[in-house]
Amino acid sequence: SSGIVNTLYDPDGFVRRAPLSIRFRNEEWPSFARQLYDVVGREGIRVRLPPVKEILINFRGPTDTFDKIEFQQVYRPPRQEDPSEEGQQEQQIEQGNQEYDPTVFRGKIVLIGASAPLLHDLFSTPFARRDPMPGVEIQANILDNLLRGDPNRPAGMAIPLLLAIVAAVLATFVAARFSPVK
């Protein structure tokens, strides 16, 4: 199965929201994280999805919060044998540098994606202002939110209204307590 990886930018240029699906040509297309959530659900892990079309991403931290392994450390393309002594030494060095214990992946969800700046898959997030976050790590955060059942929720109007009232009372108190500078 496949899914969309679109990100939604807020007016300030940061990524904070993620669609769980997008309507395209009269058809509903699920997001990549939603598709992975369904696959993991078939394995027995199930948390109720929020009843919304998009979520506010609850970022777990800055860039590189999730474990990251370079692709070249794991994948070694097949090579033809080089019978020369120099070729054998070269192969031994390559094998020594690229061996990775495959048990590290057992029981884990593995996402593969680009993180090189040249590939332009880096995004500013509230936790990654100066060090943009790769799209694959944003997808990892979204999937983690769905599996834990804890995406952020909008504050609503009550909290900003309460903060405005507290600020007004505080400003009135300070103005009444202190006289103007002469």
N, C-alpha and C. Protein backbone atom coordinates (compact mmCIF):
# COMPACT_ATOMS: atom_id res chain seq x y z
N SER A 1 0.84 -1.18 0.00
CA SER A 1 0.00 0.00 0.00
C SER A 1 0.88 1.25 0.00
N SER A 2 0.29 2.36 -0.34
CA SER A 2 1.02 3.62 -0.39
C SER A 2 0.18 4.71 0.26
N GLY A 3 0.81 5.83 0.56
CA GLY A 3 0.09 6.94 1.17
C GLY A 3 0.77 8.25 0.86
N ILE A 4 0.02 9.32 1.01
CA ILE A 4 0.55 10.66 0.72
C ILE A 4 1.47 11.11 1.86
N VAL A 5 2.46 11.90 1.53
CA VAL A 5 3.40 12.42 2.54
C VAL A 5 3.35 13.94 2.61
N ASN A 6 2.28 14.54 2.11
CA ASN A 6 2.16 16.00 2.10
C ASN A 6 2.23 16.56 3.51
N THR A 7 2.85 17.72 3.63
CA THR A 7 2.88 18.43 4.90
C THR A 7 2.14 19.74 4.72
N LEU A 8 1.59 20.25 5.80
CA LEU A 8 0.84 21.50 5.76
C LEU A 8 1.65 22.57 6.47
N TYR A 9 1.86 23.69 5.79
CA TYR A 9 2.61 24.80 6.39
C TYR A 9 1.64 25.77 7.05
N ASP A 10 2.03 26.25 8.23
CA ASP A 10 1.29 27.32 8.87
C ASP A 10 1.75 28.64 8.25
N PRO A 11 1.02 29.75 8.48
CA PRO A 11 1.41 31.03 7.87
C PRO A 11 2.85 31.46 8.17
N ASP A 12 3.41 31.02 9.30
CA ASP A 12 4.79 31.40 9.63
C ASP A 12 5.84 30.49 8.99
N GLY A 13 5.42 29.54 8.16
CA GLY A 13 6.35 28.67 7.44
C GLY A 13 6.75 27.40 8.19
N PHE A 14 6.18 27.17 9.36
CA PHE A 14 6.49 25.97 10.13
C PHE A 14 5.49 24.86 9.83
N VAL A 15 5.97 23.63 9.95
CA VAL A 15 5.08 22.47 9.81
C VAL A 15 4.64 22.08 11.21
N ARG A 16 3.33 22.14 11.44
CA ARG A 16 2.76 21.74 12.74
C ARG A 16 1.60 20.77 12.57
N ARG A 17 1.06 20.71 11.36
CA ARG A 17 -0.15 19.90 11.11
C ARG A 17 0.13 18.85 10.04
N ALA A 18 -0.64 17.78 10.11
CA ALA A 18 -0.50 16.71 9.12
C ALA A 18 -1.88 16.17 8.76
N PRO A 19 -2.18 16.07 7.47
CA PRO A 19 -3.46 15.49 7.08
C PRO A 19 -3.43 13.97 7.26
N LEU A 20 -4.55 13.40 7.68
CA LEU A 20 -4.65 11.93 7.75
C LEU A 20 -5.15 11.38 6.42
N SER A 21 -5.71 12.28 5.60
CA SER A 21 -6.11 11.91 4.24
C SER A 21 -6.30 13.19 3.44
N ILE A 22 -6.28 13.03 2.13
CA ILE A 22 -6.51 14.17 1.22
C ILE A 22 -7.48 13.71 0.14
N ARG A 23 -8.40 14.59 -0.17
CA ARG A 23 -9.37 14.29 -1.23
C ARG A 23 -8.76 14.75 -2.56
N PHE A 24 -8.71 13.82 -3.52
CA PHE A 24 -8.14 14.12 -4.83
C PHE A 24 -8.96 13.37 -5.88
N ARG A 25 -9.47 14.12 -6.86
CA ARG A 25 -10.30 13.54 -7.93
C ARG A 25 -11.43 12.67 -7.37
N ASN A 26 -12.15 13.26 -6.44
CA ASN A 26 -13.31 12.62 -5.81
C ASN A 26 -12.98 11.31 -5.11
N GLU A 27 -11.75 11.16 -4.70
CA GLU A 27 -11.34 9.97 -3.98
C GLU A 27 -10.53 10.38 -2.75
N GLU A 28 -10.73 9.67 -1.65
CA GLU A 28 -10.00 9.95 -0.41
C GLU A 28 -8.70 9.15 -0.40
N TRP A 29 -7.56 9.84 -0.26
CA TRP A 29 -6.25 9.19 -0.25
C TRP A 29 -5.67 9.27 1.16
N PRO A 30 -5.39 8.14 1.80
CA PRO A 30 -4.85 8.17 3.16
C PRO A 30 -3.39 8.62 3.18
N SER A 31 -2.99 9.15 4.33
CA SER A 31 -1.60 9.56 4.49
C SER A 31 -0.71 8.34 4.70
N PHE A 32 0.57 8.55 4.51
CA PHE A 32 1.57 7.50 4.70
C PHE A 32 1.52 6.99 6.14
N ALA A 33 1.48 7.91 7.12
CA ALA A 33 1.44 7.51 8.52
C ALA A 33 0.15 6.74 8.83
N ARG A 34 -0.96 7.15 8.23
CA ARG A 34 -2.23 6.43 8.44
C ARG A 34 -2.13 5.00 7.89
N GLN A 35 -1.53 4.86 6.72
CA GLN A 35 -1.36 3.52 6.13
C GLN A 35 -0.48 2.66 7.03
N LEU A 36 0.62 3.21 7.54
CA LEU A 36 1.49 2.46 8.45
C LEU A 36 0.75 2.10 9.74
N TYR A 37 -0.07 3.01 10.23
CA TYR A 37 -0.89 2.76 11.42
C TYR A 37 -1.77 1.54 11.18
N ASP A 38 -2.37 1.46 10.00
CA ASP A 38 -3.23 0.31 9.67
C ASP A 38 -2.42 -0.98 9.60
N VAL A 39 -1.22 -0.93 9.03
CA VAL A 39 -0.36 -2.12 8.95
C VAL A 39 0.02 -2.58 10.35
N VAL A 40 0.42 -1.65 11.21
CA VAL A 40 0.79 -1.99 12.58
C VAL A 40 -0.43 -2.53 13.33
N GLY A 41 -1.61 -1.97 13.03
CA GLY A 41 -2.84 -2.45 13.66
C GLY A 41 -3.13 -3.90 13.35
N ARG A 42 -2.77 -4.33 12.15
CA ARG A 42 -2.96 -5.74 11.80
C ARG A 42 -2.03 -6.65 12.61
N GLU A 43 -0.98 -6.06 13.17
CA GLU A 43 -0.04 -6.81 14.00
C GLU A 43 -0.47 -6.81 15.47
N GLY A 44 -1.58 -6.18 15.78
CA GLY A 44 -2.10 -6.22 17.14
C GLY A 44 -1.98 -4.94 17.94
N ILE A 45 -1.28 -3.93 17.44
CA ILE A 45 -1.18 -2.66 18.17
C ILE A 45 -2.28 -1.76 17.64
N ARG A 46 -3.20 -1.37 18.51
CA ARG A 46 -4.32 -0.57 18.05
C ARG A 46 -4.66 0.51 19.07
N VAL A 47 -4.67 1.74 18.63
CA VAL A 47 -5.11 2.88 19.41
C VAL A 47 -6.16 3.56 18.56
N ARG A 48 -7.20 4.07 19.20
CA ARG A 48 -8.27 4.73 18.43
C ARG A 48 -7.75 6.00 17.77
N LEU A 49 -8.00 6.11 16.46
CA LEU A 49 -7.59 7.32 15.73
C LEU A 49 -8.46 8.50 16.12
N PRO A 50 -7.87 9.69 16.13
CA PRO A 50 -8.70 10.87 16.41
C PRO A 50 -9.69 11.08 15.26
N PRO A 51 -10.92 11.51 15.57
CA PRO A 51 -11.94 11.68 14.53
C PRO A 51 -11.80 13.00 13.77
N VAL A 52 -10.62 13.24 13.22
CA VAL A 52 -10.35 14.48 12.49
C VAL A 52 -9.64 14.15 11.18
N LYS A 53 -9.66 15.12 10.26
CA LYS A 53 -8.98 14.91 8.97
C LYS A 53 -7.50 15.28 9.02
N GLU A 54 -7.13 16.08 10.04
CA GLU A 54 -5.72 16.43 10.20
C GLU A 54 -5.41 16.52 11.69
N ILE A 55 -4.12 16.31 12.02
CA ILE A 55 -3.72 16.39 13.42
C ILE A 55 -2.67 17.47 13.60
N LEU A 56 -2.59 17.97 14.82
CA LEU A 56 -1.48 18.85 15.21
C LEU A 56 -0.38 17.94 15.71
N ILE A 57 0.77 17.98 15.08
CA ILE A 57 1.84 17.05 15.39
C ILE A 57 2.44 17.35 16.77
N ASN A 58 2.49 16.33 17.60
CA ASN A 58 3.12 16.42 18.91
C ASN A 58 4.56 15.95 18.74
N PHE A 59 5.44 16.89 18.38
CA PHE A 59 6.84 16.54 18.10
C PHE A 59 7.51 16.04 19.38
N ARG A 60 8.27 14.96 19.26
CA ARG A 60 8.95 14.36 20.41
C ARG A 60 10.24 15.09 20.77
N GLY A 61 10.69 15.98 19.92
CA GLY A 61 11.91 16.73 20.18
C GLY A 61 12.48 17.28 18.89
N PRO A 62 13.73 17.73 18.93
CA PRO A 62 14.37 18.32 17.74
C PRO A 62 14.76 17.25 16.72
N THR A 63 15.37 17.68 15.66
CA THR A 63 15.88 16.77 14.64
C THR A 63 16.77 15.71 15.29
N ASP A 64 16.69 14.50 14.79
CA ASP A 64 17.47 13.34 15.27
C ASP A 64 17.00 12.82 16.62
N THR A 65 15.75 13.08 17.00
CA THR A 65 15.21 12.51 18.24
C THR A 65 15.04 11.00 18.09
N PHE A 66 14.61 10.57 16.91
CA PHE A 66 14.46 9.15 16.64
C PHE A 66 15.81 8.58 16.21
N ASP A 67 16.03 7.30 16.54
CA ASP A 67 17.28 6.65 16.11
C ASP A 67 17.40 6.72 14.60
N LYS A 68 18.63 6.97 14.15
CA LYS A 68 18.88 7.13 12.72
C LYS A 68 20.10 6.31 12.36
N ILE A 69 19.98 5.55 11.30
CA ILE A 69 21.09 4.76 10.78
C ILE A 69 21.25 5.11 9.32
N GLU A 70 22.45 5.45 8.92
CA GLU A 70 22.72 5.79 7.53
C GLU A 70 22.48 4.58 6.64
N PHE A 71 21.86 4.79 5.51
CA PHE A 71 21.51 3.71 4.60
C PHE A 71 22.73 2.91 4.17
N GLN A 72 23.84 3.60 3.92
CA GLN A 72 25.04 2.89 3.46
C GLN A 72 25.63 1.99 4.55
N GLN A 73 25.23 2.18 5.81
CA GLN A 73 25.69 1.29 6.88
C GLN A 73 24.95 -0.04 6.85
N VAL A 74 23.79 -0.04 6.26
CA VAL A 74 22.94 -1.23 6.27
C VAL A 74 22.96 -1.95 4.93
N TYR A 75 22.89 -1.20 3.86
CA TYR A 75 22.79 -1.80 2.54
C TYR A 75 24.17 -1.90 1.90
N ARG A 76 24.48 -3.06 1.43
CA ARG A 76 25.74 -3.27 0.72
C ARG A 76 25.38 -3.91 -0.63
N PRO A 77 25.55 -3.21 -1.72
CA PRO A 77 25.20 -3.79 -3.03
C PRO A 77 26.11 -4.98 -3.34
N PRO A 78 25.57 -5.97 -4.04
CA PRO A 78 26.42 -7.11 -4.41
C PRO A 78 27.55 -6.67 -5.32
N ARG A 79 28.74 -7.25 -5.09
CA ARG A 79 29.91 -6.91 -5.91
C ARG A 79 30.46 -8.18 -6.52
N GLN A 80 31.09 -8.00 -7.63
CA GLN A 80 31.79 -9.14 -8.22
C GLN A 80 33.11 -9.30 -7.50
N GLU A 81 33.53 -10.54 -7.34
CA GLU A 81 34.81 -10.82 -6.67
C GLU A 81 35.97 -10.27 -7.49
N ASP A 82 36.91 -9.66 -6.83
CA ASP A 82 38.14 -9.17 -7.45
C ASP A 82 39.26 -10.07 -6.95
N PRO A 83 39.80 -10.91 -7.82
CA PRO A 83 40.79 -11.90 -7.37
C PRO A 83 42.13 -11.30 -6.94
N SER A 84 42.41 -10.05 -7.29
CA SER A 84 43.71 -9.47 -6.94
C SER A 84 43.80 -9.24 -5.43
N GLU A 85 45.02 -9.17 -4.93
CA GLU A 85 45.25 -8.96 -3.50
C GLU A 85 44.69 -7.60 -3.07
N GLU A 86 44.90 -6.59 -3.91
CA GLU A 86 44.41 -5.24 -3.62
C GLU A 86 42.87 -5.24 -3.55
N GLY A 87 42.23 -5.95 -4.46
CA GLY A 87 40.76 -6.05 -4.49
C GLY A 87 40.21 -6.73 -3.26
N GLN A 88 40.90 -7.77 -2.77
CA GLN A 88 40.44 -8.49 -1.57
C GLN A 88 40.55 -7.59 -0.34
N GLN A 89 41.64 -6.82 -0.24
CA GLN A 89 41.78 -5.91 0.89
C GLN A 89 40.68 -4.86 0.87
N GLU A 90 40.38 -4.35 -0.31
CA GLU A 90 39.34 -3.34 -0.46
C GLU A 90 37.99 -3.90 -0.01
N GLN A 91 37.67 -5.13 -0.40
CA GLN A 91 36.41 -5.75 -0.01
C GLN A 91 36.34 -5.96 1.50
N GLN A 92 37.44 -6.35 2.14
CA GLN A 92 37.44 -6.56 3.58
C GLN A 92 37.18 -5.24 4.30
N ILE A 93 37.80 -4.17 3.83
CA ILE A 93 37.58 -2.86 4.44
C ILE A 93 36.12 -2.46 4.29
N GLU A 94 35.55 -2.63 3.10
CA GLU A 94 34.15 -2.27 2.88
C GLU A 94 33.23 -3.08 3.77
N GLN A 95 33.45 -4.39 3.87
CA GLN A 95 32.60 -5.22 4.70
C GLN A 95 32.71 -4.81 6.16
N GLY A 96 33.91 -4.50 6.61
CA GLY A 96 34.10 -4.07 7.99
C GLY A 96 33.38 -2.76 8.29
N ASN A 97 33.35 -1.84 7.33
CA ASN A 97 32.72 -0.54 7.54
C ASN A 97 31.21 -0.59 7.39
N GLN A 98 30.69 -1.57 6.67
CA GLN A 98 29.26 -1.55 6.36
C GLN A 98 28.45 -2.63 7.04
N GLU A 99 29.06 -3.45 7.83
CA GLU A 99 28.31 -4.49 8.53
C GLU A 99 27.47 -3.83 9.61
N TYR A 100 26.24 -4.29 9.75
CA TYR A 100 25.35 -3.78 10.78
C TYR A 100 24.53 -4.94 11.29
N ASP A 101 24.37 -5.05 12.58
CA ASP A 101 23.64 -6.16 13.18
C ASP A 101 22.16 -6.04 12.82
N PRO A 102 21.63 -6.99 12.03
CA PRO A 102 20.23 -6.90 11.61
C PRO A 102 19.23 -7.05 12.76
N THR A 103 19.65 -7.60 13.90
CA THR A 103 18.71 -7.75 15.02
C THR A 103 18.31 -6.41 15.61
N VAL A 104 19.06 -5.36 15.28
CA VAL A 104 18.72 -4.02 15.77
C VAL A 104 17.33 -3.60 15.26
N PHE A 105 16.89 -4.16 14.15
CA PHE A 105 15.61 -3.78 13.55
C PHE A 105 14.45 -4.67 14.02
N ARG A 106 14.74 -5.76 14.70
CA ARG A 106 13.71 -6.71 15.11
C ARG A 106 12.69 -6.03 16.02
N GLY A 107 11.41 -6.18 15.67
CA GLY A 107 10.34 -5.61 16.48
C GLY A 107 10.20 -4.11 16.37
N LYS A 108 10.82 -3.50 15.37
CA LYS A 108 10.78 -2.04 15.22
C LYS A 108 10.09 -1.67 13.90
N ILE A 109 9.60 -0.48 13.85
CA ILE A 109 9.08 0.10 12.61
C ILE A 109 10.22 0.90 12.00
N VAL A 110 10.58 0.60 10.76
CA VAL A 110 11.70 1.25 10.10
C VAL A 110 11.19 2.10 8.95
N LEU A 111 11.50 3.38 8.98
CA LEU A 111 11.15 4.28 7.88
C LEU A 111 12.43 4.62 7.13
N ILE A 112 12.35 4.61 5.82
CA ILE A 112 13.51 4.94 4.99
C ILE A 112 13.20 6.24 4.26
N GLY A 113 14.09 7.20 4.36
CA GLY A 113 13.86 8.47 3.70
C GLY A 113 15.12 9.28 3.57
N ALA A 114 15.00 10.36 2.84
CA ALA A 114 16.15 11.24 2.56
C ALA A 114 16.34 12.24 3.68
N SER A 115 17.61 12.56 3.95
CA SER A 115 17.89 13.62 4.93
C SER A 115 18.97 14.58 4.43
N ALA A 116 19.45 14.35 3.21
CA ALA A 116 20.49 15.22 2.65
C ALA A 116 19.87 16.56 2.21
N PRO A 117 20.48 17.68 2.58
CA PRO A 117 19.94 18.99 2.20
C PRO A 117 19.73 19.14 0.69
N LEU A 118 20.58 18.51 -0.09
CA LEU A 118 20.49 18.60 -1.55
C LEU A 118 19.17 18.07 -2.09
N LEU A 119 18.52 17.19 -1.36
CA LEU A 119 17.27 16.56 -1.82
C LEU A 119 16.02 17.38 -1.45
N HIS A 120 16.19 18.48 -0.71
CA HIS A 120 15.12 19.43 -0.38
C HIS A 120 13.93 18.77 0.30
N ASP A 121 14.19 17.84 1.22
CA ASP A 121 13.11 17.24 2.00
C ASP A 121 13.31 17.59 3.47
N LEU A 122 13.62 18.87 3.73
CA LEU A 122 13.84 19.36 5.08
C LEU A 122 12.83 20.46 5.38
N PHE A 123 12.32 20.47 6.62
CA PHE A 123 11.23 21.38 6.97
C PHE A 123 11.48 22.02 8.32
N SER A 124 11.05 23.27 8.46
CA SER A 124 11.12 23.95 9.74
C SER A 124 9.92 23.51 10.58
N THR A 125 10.20 23.17 11.83
CA THR A 125 9.15 22.78 12.77
C THR A 125 9.37 23.57 14.05
N PRO A 126 8.43 23.56 14.99
CA PRO A 126 8.66 24.28 16.25
C PRO A 126 9.91 23.80 16.99
N PHE A 127 10.33 22.56 16.78
CA PHE A 127 11.52 22.03 17.44
C PHE A 127 12.75 22.08 16.55
N ALA A 128 12.59 22.47 15.31
CA ALA A 128 13.71 22.46 14.37
C ALA A 128 13.73 23.77 13.59
N ARG A 129 13.96 24.86 14.27
CA ARG A 129 13.96 26.17 13.61
C ARG A 129 15.24 26.40 12.82
N ARG A 130 16.38 26.12 13.45
CA ARG A 130 17.66 26.35 12.78
C ARG A 130 18.19 25.11 12.08
N ASP A 131 17.79 23.95 12.56
CA ASP A 131 18.25 22.68 12.01
C ASP A 131 17.01 21.95 11.47
N PRO A 132 16.63 22.22 10.21
CA PRO A 132 15.38 21.67 9.68
C PRO A 132 15.29 20.15 9.83
N MET A 133 14.05 19.68 9.94
CA MET A 133 13.78 18.27 10.17
C MET A 133 13.48 17.57 8.85
N PRO A 134 14.11 16.42 8.60
CA PRO A 134 13.80 15.66 7.38
C PRO A 134 12.34 15.21 7.37
N GLY A 135 11.78 15.14 6.18
CA GLY A 135 10.39 14.69 6.03
C GLY A 135 10.14 13.33 6.65
N VAL A 136 11.11 12.42 6.55
CA VAL A 136 10.93 11.09 7.11
C VAL A 136 10.81 11.15 8.63
N GLU A 137 11.50 12.09 9.27
CA GLU A 137 11.38 12.22 10.73
C GLU A 137 10.05 12.85 11.12
N ILE A 138 9.53 13.73 10.27
CA ILE A 138 8.18 14.27 10.51
C ILE A 138 7.18 13.13 10.42
N GLN A 139 7.34 12.25 9.42
CA GLN A 139 6.45 11.09 9.30
C GLN A 139 6.56 10.19 10.53
N ALA A 140 7.77 10.02 11.06
CA ALA A 140 7.96 9.21 12.27
C ALA A 140 7.22 9.83 13.45
N ASN A 141 7.26 11.16 13.57
CA ASN A 141 6.53 11.84 14.64
C ASN A 141 5.03 11.65 14.48
N ILE A 142 4.53 11.76 13.25
CA ILE A 142 3.10 11.60 13.00
C ILE A 142 2.66 10.18 13.36
N LEU A 143 3.41 9.18 12.89
CA LEU A 143 3.08 7.79 13.20
C LEU A 143 3.13 7.55 14.71
N ASP A 144 4.14 8.08 15.37
CA ASP A 144 4.25 7.93 16.82
C ASP A 144 3.03 8.55 17.52
N ASN A 145 2.57 9.70 17.04
CA ASN A 145 1.36 10.33 17.60
C ASN A 145 0.15 9.42 17.45
N LEU A 146 0.00 8.81 16.27
CA LEU A 146 -1.15 7.94 16.03
C LEU A 146 -1.08 6.68 16.89
N LEU A 147 0.10 6.09 17.02
CA LEU A 147 0.24 4.86 17.80
C LEU A 147 0.09 5.10 19.31
N ARG A 148 0.54 6.26 19.77
CA ARG A 148 0.38 6.58 21.20
C ARG A 148 -0.97 7.23 21.50
N GLY A 149 -1.64 7.69 20.45
CA GLY A 149 -2.94 8.34 20.64
C GLY A 149 -2.82 9.69 21.31
N ASP A 150 -1.72 10.43 21.04
CA ASP A 150 -1.53 11.71 21.74
C ASP A 150 -1.12 12.88 20.84
N PRO A 151 -1.81 13.08 19.70
CA PRO A 151 -1.48 14.31 18.96
C PRO A 151 -1.90 15.53 19.78
N ASN A 152 -1.30 16.67 19.49
CA ASN A 152 -1.70 17.91 20.17
C ASN A 152 -3.14 18.25 19.80
N ARG A 153 -3.77 18.99 20.69
CA ARG A 153 -5.16 19.43 20.43
C ARG A 153 -5.18 20.95 20.43
N PRO A 154 -6.03 21.55 19.60
CA PRO A 154 -6.12 23.02 19.61
C PRO A 154 -6.59 23.50 20.99
N ALA A 155 -6.09 24.64 21.41
CA ALA A 155 -6.41 25.18 22.73
C ALA A 155 -7.85 25.68 22.81
N GLY A 156 -8.47 26.04 21.71
CA GLY A 156 -9.80 26.63 21.77
C GLY A 156 -9.69 28.10 22.14
N MET A 157 -10.82 28.75 22.37
CA MET A 157 -10.81 30.18 22.65
C MET A 157 -10.69 30.50 24.14
N ALA A 158 -10.96 29.56 25.02
CA ALA A 158 -10.96 29.82 26.45
C ALA A 158 -9.56 30.21 26.96
N ILE A 159 -8.54 29.50 26.55
CA ILE A 159 -7.18 29.77 27.06
C ILE A 159 -6.66 31.13 26.59
N PRO A 160 -6.72 31.47 25.28
CA PRO A 160 -6.26 32.81 24.88
C PRO A 160 -7.05 33.93 25.55
N LEU A 161 -8.36 33.73 25.75
CA LEU A 161 -9.19 34.75 26.41
C LEU A 161 -8.75 34.91 27.87
N LEU A 162 -8.52 33.81 28.55
CA LEU A 162 -8.07 33.85 29.94
C LEU A 162 -6.71 34.54 30.05
N LEU A 163 -5.79 34.23 29.14
CA LEU A 163 -4.48 34.87 29.15
C LEU A 163 -4.59 36.38 28.90
N ALA A 164 -5.48 36.78 28.02
CA ALA A 164 -5.67 38.22 27.75
C ALA A 164 -6.22 38.94 28.98
N ILE A 165 -7.14 38.30 29.70
CA ILE A 165 -7.71 38.91 30.91
C ILE A 165 -6.64 39.04 31.99
N VAL A 166 -5.84 37.99 32.19
CA VAL A 166 -4.75 38.02 33.18
C VAL A 166 -3.76 39.13 32.82
N ALA A 167 -3.40 39.25 31.54
CA ALA A 167 -2.46 40.29 31.11
C ALA A 167 -3.05 41.68 31.35
N ALA A 168 -4.34 41.87 31.09
CA ALA A 168 -4.98 43.18 31.31
C ALA A 168 -5.01 43.53 32.79
N VAL A 169 -5.35 42.57 33.65
CA VAL A 169 -5.38 42.82 35.09
C VAL A 169 -3.98 43.14 35.60
N LEU A 170 -3.00 42.38 35.15
CA LEU A 170 -1.60 42.61 35.55
C LEU A 170 -1.13 44.01 35.10
N ALA A 171 -1.45 44.38 33.88
CA ALA A 171 -1.06 45.71 33.37
C ALA A 171 -1.73 46.82 34.17
N THR A 172 -3.00 46.63 34.53
CA THR A 172 -3.73 47.62 35.33
C THR A 172 -3.08 47.76 36.72
N PHE A 173 -2.74 46.63 37.33
CA PHE A 173 -2.10 46.63 38.64
C PHE A 173 -0.75 47.36 38.59
N VAL A 174 0.06 47.04 37.61
CA VAL A 174 1.38 47.67 37.49
C VAL A 174 1.23 49.17 37.26
N ALA A 175 0.29 49.58 36.41
CA ALA A 175 0.08 51.01 36.12
C ALA A 175 -0.40 51.76 37.36
N ALA A 176 -1.28 51.12 38.16
CA ALA A 176 -1.80 51.77 39.36
C ALA A 176 -0.76 51.81 40.48
N ARG A 177 0.09 50.84 40.55
CA ARG A 177 1.07 50.70 41.64
C ARG A 177 2.26 51.65 41.48
N PHE A 178 2.67 51.85 40.25
CA PHE A 178 3.87 52.66 39.98
C PHE A 178 3.45 53.97 39.33
N SER A 179 4.05 55.04 39.79
CA SER A 179 3.75 56.33 39.18
C SER A 179 4.62 56.54 37.96
N PRO A 180 4.18 57.40 37.06
CA PRO A 180 5.00 57.65 35.86
C PRO A 180 6.33 58.29 36.24
N VAL A 181 7.34 58.04 35.47
CA VAL A 181 8.67 58.58 35.69
C VAL A 181 8.63 60.09 35.38
N LYS A 182 9.20 60.91 36.32
CA LYS A 182 9.18 62.37 36.11
C LYS A 182 10.54 62.85 35.69
